[in-house]
């Protein structure tokens, strides 16, 4: 150690082994304080917050699927003929309704119709409707509807989706009433709703018509109504 004696007190030079050792000891104490960890069991605030967010997040509800009961459901359509109108139905159709009770907007409706099962109570007319003039049932054996969005406001429902006829798909919206959920006498849960929409048949390539002076024999607007009762699977 180098010591300088002047007229005043003793002076230790900074560049000595003892001073360097003292500096290293101070640095080690500071580093230990900086990396000090919390006691076991304690959590950092960010970790606690993340766990709280996970704990508060609601569990995703699984969709409950219901099979359409064809015996207690209806599918019908109406179209103008001259100044009157003609009504019809389809004898073979079915599908599913999947309901999300927590988030109704996630619910889904899936319907498939056998085109050749069209029934207007007149055999000759039904045969013509199955032909290429109208539905071309041999080439397009099914008509389908797949929902893309569902809105529920109390008992009122609005179901948007894709309707496919003759291979052409167009968006449509059905508006109606949700009938609710109930347990049938056999212990199974059922759901039901009634809805309707209006489409233009020309949009789907169903374009045949017979002109009579200033009016077409058949109108273009078709009103479709569906009343579904479905059983939980």
Protein backbone atom coordinates (compact mmCIF):
# COMPACT_ATOMS: atom_id res chain seq x y z
CA UNK A 1 0.00 0.00 0.00
CA UNK A 2 1.34 3.36 -0.96
CA UNK A 3 0.94 6.18 1.54
CA UNK A 4 1.65 9.82 0.89
CA UNK A 5 2.48 12.04 3.80
CA UNK A 6 2.08 15.71 3.18
CA UNK A 7 1.50 18.49 5.60
CA UNK A 8 -2.09 17.24 6.16
CA UNK A 9 -3.58 13.76 6.91
CA UNK A 10 -2.45 10.49 5.40
CA UNK A 11 -3.68 9.90 1.82
CA UNK A 12 -4.33 6.38 0.42
CA UNK A 13 -3.78 6.13 -3.30
CA UNK A 14 -6.90 4.65 -5.09
CA UNK A 15 -4.96 2.29 -7.32
CA UNK A 16 -3.89 -0.15 -4.59
CA UNK A 17 -4.85 -3.82 -3.98
CA UNK A 18 -6.82 -2.98 -0.82
CA UNK A 19 -8.90 -0.29 -2.50
CA UNK A 20 -9.58 -2.52 -5.51
CA UNK A 21 -10.75 -5.34 -3.20
CA UNK A 22 -13.05 -2.94 -1.36
CA UNK A 23 -14.58 -1.82 -4.64
CA UNK A 24 -15.22 -5.43 -5.72
CA UNK A 25 -16.92 -6.21 -2.39
CA UNK A 26 -19.27 -3.21 -2.75
CA UNK A 27 -20.13 -4.22 -6.33
CA UNK A 28 -20.95 -7.78 -5.24
CA UNK A 29 -23.35 -6.56 -2.52
CA UNK A 30 -25.14 -4.29 -5.03
CA UNK A 31 -25.48 -7.12 -7.56
CA UNK A 32 -26.95 -9.43 -4.93
CA UNK A 33 -29.57 -6.84 -4.02
CA UNK A 34 -30.49 -6.36 -7.68
CA UNK A 35 -31.12 -10.05 -8.33
CA UNK A 36 -32.92 -10.73 -5.06
CA UNK A 37 -35.95 -12.97 -5.68
CA UNK A 38 -39.25 -13.01 -3.82
CA UNK A 39 -39.85 -15.70 -1.18
CA UNK A 40 -41.26 -19.05 -2.30
CA UNK A 41 -45.01 -18.88 -2.91
CA UNK A 42 -44.98 -15.21 -3.85
CA UNK A 43 -45.94 -14.25 -7.41
CA UNK A 44 -44.89 -11.39 -9.55
CA UNK A 45 -47.79 -8.96 -10.29
CA UNK A 46 -47.83 -9.80 -14.02
CA UNK A 47 -48.10 -13.55 -13.31
CA UNK A 48 -50.92 -13.00 -10.80
CA UNK A 49 -52.83 -10.81 -13.28
CA UNK A 50 -52.48 -13.39 -16.04
CA UNK A 51 -53.81 -16.15 -13.78
CA UNK A 52 -56.72 -13.96 -12.70
CA UNK A 53 -57.61 -13.29 -16.35
CA UNK A 54 -57.61 -17.00 -17.09
CA UNK A 55 -59.72 -17.73 -14.00
CA UNK A 56 -62.29 -15.10 -14.99
CA UNK A 57 -62.58 -16.23 -18.64
CA UNK A 58 -65.88 -18.13 -19.14
CA UNK A 59 -65.65 -21.71 -20.35
CA UNK A 60 -66.64 -22.18 -23.98
CA UNK A 61 -70.09 -23.74 -24.25
CA UNK A 62 -70.41 -26.76 -26.50
CA UNK A 63 -73.08 -26.69 -29.18
CA UNK A 64 -76.08 -28.90 -28.46
CA UNK A 65 -77.30 -30.61 -31.62
CA UNK A 66 -80.97 -31.25 -32.38
CA UNK A 67 -82.20 -33.42 -35.26
CA UNK A 68 -85.14 -32.04 -37.23
CA UNK A 69 -88.26 -34.13 -36.61
CA UNK A 70 -89.91 -34.33 -40.07
CA UNK A 71 -93.19 -35.61 -38.63
CA UNK A 72 -93.64 -32.40 -36.64
CA UNK A 73 -92.02 -29.91 -39.01
CA UNK A 74 -93.20 -28.11 -42.14
CA UNK A 75 -91.53 -26.68 -45.22
CA UNK A 76 -93.69 -24.83 -47.72
CA UNK A 77 -93.53 -22.26 -50.53
CA UNK A 78 -95.94 -19.99 -52.37
CA UNK A 79 -95.70 -18.33 -55.78
CA UNK A 80 -98.05 -16.28 -57.94
CA UNK A 81 -99.82 -17.97 -60.84
CA UNK A 82 -101.64 -15.49 -63.09
CA UNK A 83 -103.68 -13.54 -60.51
CA UNK A 84 -103.85 -16.31 -57.94
CA UNK A 85 -101.15 -18.35 -56.27
CA UNK A 86 -99.89 -21.91 -56.00
CA UNK A 87 -98.55 -23.49 -52.82
CA UNK A 88 -96.31 -26.49 -52.46
CA UNK A 89 -94.00 -28.43 -50.18
CA UNK A 90 -91.21 -31.02 -50.24
CA UNK A 91 -91.90 -34.48 -48.91
CA UNK A 92 -88.30 -35.45 -48.12
CA UNK A 93 -86.06 -33.09 -46.18
CA UNK A 94 -84.22 -32.87 -42.90
CA UNK A 95 -81.25 -31.44 -41.08
CA UNK A 96 -79.96 -30.23 -37.74
CA UNK A 97 -80.15 -27.25 -35.41
CA UNK A 98 -77.13 -26.67 -33.15
CA UNK A 99 -77.79 -24.30 -30.25
CA UNK A 100 -75.23 -22.44 -28.17
CA UNK A 101 -77.15 -21.43 -25.03
CA UNK A 102 -74.35 -19.12 -23.83
CA UNK A 103 -73.72 -17.33 -27.13
CA UNK A 104 -76.80 -17.76 -29.36
CA UNK A 105 -74.99 -16.08 -32.27
CA UNK A 106 -72.84 -19.21 -32.53
CA UNK A 107 -75.88 -21.41 -33.18
CA UNK A 108 -76.23 -23.11 -36.56
CA UNK A 109 -78.97 -24.41 -38.87
CA UNK A 110 -78.35 -26.97 -41.59
CA UNK A 111 -81.15 -28.11 -43.92
CA UNK A 112 -81.08 -30.46 -46.92
CA UNK A 113 -84.06 -31.02 -49.24
CA UNK A 114 -84.56 -33.73 -51.85
CA UNK A 115 -85.48 -31.76 -54.97
CA UNK A 116 -87.52 -34.54 -56.60
CA UNK A 117 -89.83 -34.68 -53.56
CA UNK A 118 -91.58 -31.45 -54.60
CA UNK A 119 -95.33 -31.70 -54.14
CA UNK A 120 -97.97 -29.20 -55.36
CA UNK A 121 -100.79 -31.80 -55.34
CA UNK A 122 -100.86 -31.98 -59.14
CA UNK A 123 -98.77 -34.82 -60.60
CA UNK A 124 -98.36 -33.29 -64.07
CA UNK A 125 -97.22 -29.97 -62.61
CA UNK A 126 -94.82 -31.67 -60.21
CA UNK A 127 -93.29 -33.60 -63.10
CA UNK A 128 -92.77 -30.32 -64.98
CA UNK A 129 -91.23 -28.71 -61.89
CA UNK A 130 -88.69 -31.55 -61.69
CA UNK A 131 -87.68 -31.00 -65.32
CA UNK A 132 -84.86 -28.72 -66.60
CA UNK A 133 -87.45 -25.95 -67.09
CA UNK A 134 -87.48 -25.52 -63.32
CA UNK A 135 -85.47 -27.44 -60.71
CA UNK A 136 -83.67 -29.96 -62.97
CA UNK A 137 -83.93 -32.55 -60.20
CA UNK A 138 -81.86 -35.16 -62.05
CA UNK A 139 -78.88 -32.80 -62.32
CA UNK A 140 -79.38 -31.05 -58.96
CA UNK A 141 -80.86 -33.61 -56.58
CA UNK A 142 -80.60 -31.49 -53.42
CA UNK A 143 -81.47 -28.00 -52.25
CA UNK A 144 -79.48 -26.87 -49.20
CA UNK A 145 -79.43 -24.12 -46.62
CA UNK A 146 -76.42 -23.49 -44.38
CA UNK A 147 -76.64 -20.73 -41.79
CA UNK A 148 -73.80 -18.22 -41.53
CA UNK A 149 -75.11 -16.03 -38.70
CA UNK A 150 -77.86 -16.12 -36.09
CA UNK A 151 -79.30 -13.21 -34.10
CA UNK A 152 -81.72 -13.68 -31.20
CA UNK A 153 -83.62 -10.85 -29.53
CA UNK A 154 -86.02 -12.28 -26.99
CA UNK A 155 -88.31 -14.52 -29.04
CA UNK A 156 -87.38 -12.91 -32.34
CA UNK A 157 -84.78 -14.63 -34.49
CA UNK A 158 -82.92 -13.69 -37.64
CA UNK A 159 -81.02 -16.44 -39.44
CA UNK A 160 -78.75 -15.51 -42.33
CA UNK A 161 -77.28 -18.18 -44.54
CA UNK A 162 -76.49 -19.60 -47.96
CA UNK A 163 -79.31 -21.13 -50.00
CA UNK A 164 -78.30 -23.36 -52.92
CA UNK A 165 -80.76 -24.22 -55.72
CA UNK A 166 -79.75 -25.67 -59.07
CA UNK A 167 -76.10 -25.32 -58.05
CA UNK A 168 -76.39 -21.58 -57.47
CA UNK A 169 -75.75 -20.23 -53.99
CA UNK A 170 -77.19 -16.92 -52.78
CA UNK A 171 -77.40 -15.32 -49.32
CA UNK A 172 -80.86 -15.20 -47.75
CA UNK A 173 -82.25 -14.12 -44.38
CA UNK A 174 -85.05 -15.89 -42.53
CA UNK A 175 -86.93 -13.93 -39.89
CA UNK A 176 -89.26 -15.49 -37.36
CA UNK A 177 -89.97 -16.62 -33.82
CA UNK A 178 -88.00 -18.87 -31.50
CA UNK A 179 -90.38 -21.20 -29.66
CA UNK A 180 -87.93 -22.19 -26.93
CA UNK A 181 -86.78 -25.47 -25.34
CA UNK A 182 -88.94 -28.09 -23.65
CA UNK A 183 -88.83 -31.71 -22.50
CA UNK A 184 -91.16 -34.05 -24.35
CA UNK A 185 -93.17 -36.85 -22.68
CA UNK A 186 -90.37 -39.32 -23.51
CA UNK A 187 -87.75 -37.34 -21.61
CA UNK A 188 -85.96 -35.79 -24.59
CA UNK A 189 -85.32 -32.09 -25.02
CA UNK A 190 -86.85 -30.39 -28.05
CA UNK A 191 -86.51 -26.98 -29.65
CA UNK A 192 -88.62 -25.22 -32.25
CA UNK A 193 -88.78 -22.10 -34.38
CA UNK A 194 -90.83 -20.68 -37.24
CA UNK A 195 -89.31 -18.45 -39.91
CA UNK A 196 -89.82 -17.23 -43.45
CA UNK A 197 -88.06 -15.48 -46.31
CA UNK A 198 -88.76 -14.32 -49.86
CA UNK A 199 -86.45 -15.08 -52.77
CA UNK A 200 -86.39 -14.32 -56.48
CA UNK A 201 -86.36 -17.60 -58.40
CA UNK A 202 -84.49 -15.96 -61.30
CA UNK A 203 -81.46 -15.60 -59.00
CA UNK A 204 -81.23 -19.39 -58.91
CA UNK A 205 -81.74 -20.09 -62.60
CA UNK A 206 -85.37 -21.19 -62.21
CA UNK A 207 -86.48 -18.97 -65.06
CA UNK A 208 -89.19 -20.71 -67.08
CA UNK A 209 -92.31 -18.62 -67.72
CA UNK A 210 -95.23 -18.45 -70.10
CA UNK A 211 -96.21 -14.88 -71.12
CA UNK A 212 -99.88 -14.03 -71.22
CA UNK A 213 -100.40 -10.58 -72.74
CA UNK A 214 -98.94 -8.15 -70.16
CA UNK A 215 -98.47 -10.56 -67.29
CA UNK A 216 -96.20 -13.55 -66.83
CA UNK A 217 -97.86 -16.82 -66.11
CA UNK A 218 -95.68 -17.33 -63.03
CA UNK A 219 -94.33 -14.75 -60.61
CA UNK A 220 -90.66 -14.40 -59.74
CA UNK A 221 -90.98 -13.90 -55.99
CA UNK A 222 -91.28 -17.07 -53.92
CA UNK A 223 -92.22 -17.01 -50.24
CA UNK A 224 -90.67 -19.81 -48.22
CA UNK A 225 -91.82 -20.77 -44.74
CA UNK A 226 -90.26 -23.28 -42.39
CA UNK A 227 -91.52 -24.52 -39.05
CA UNK A 228 -89.00 -26.73 -37.29
CA UNK A 229 -89.33 -28.97 -34.28
CA UNK A 230 -86.07 -30.77 -33.49
CA UNK A 231 -85.03 -33.42 -30.95
CA UNK A 232 -81.77 -33.36 -28.98
CA UNK A 233 -79.25 -35.98 -30.06
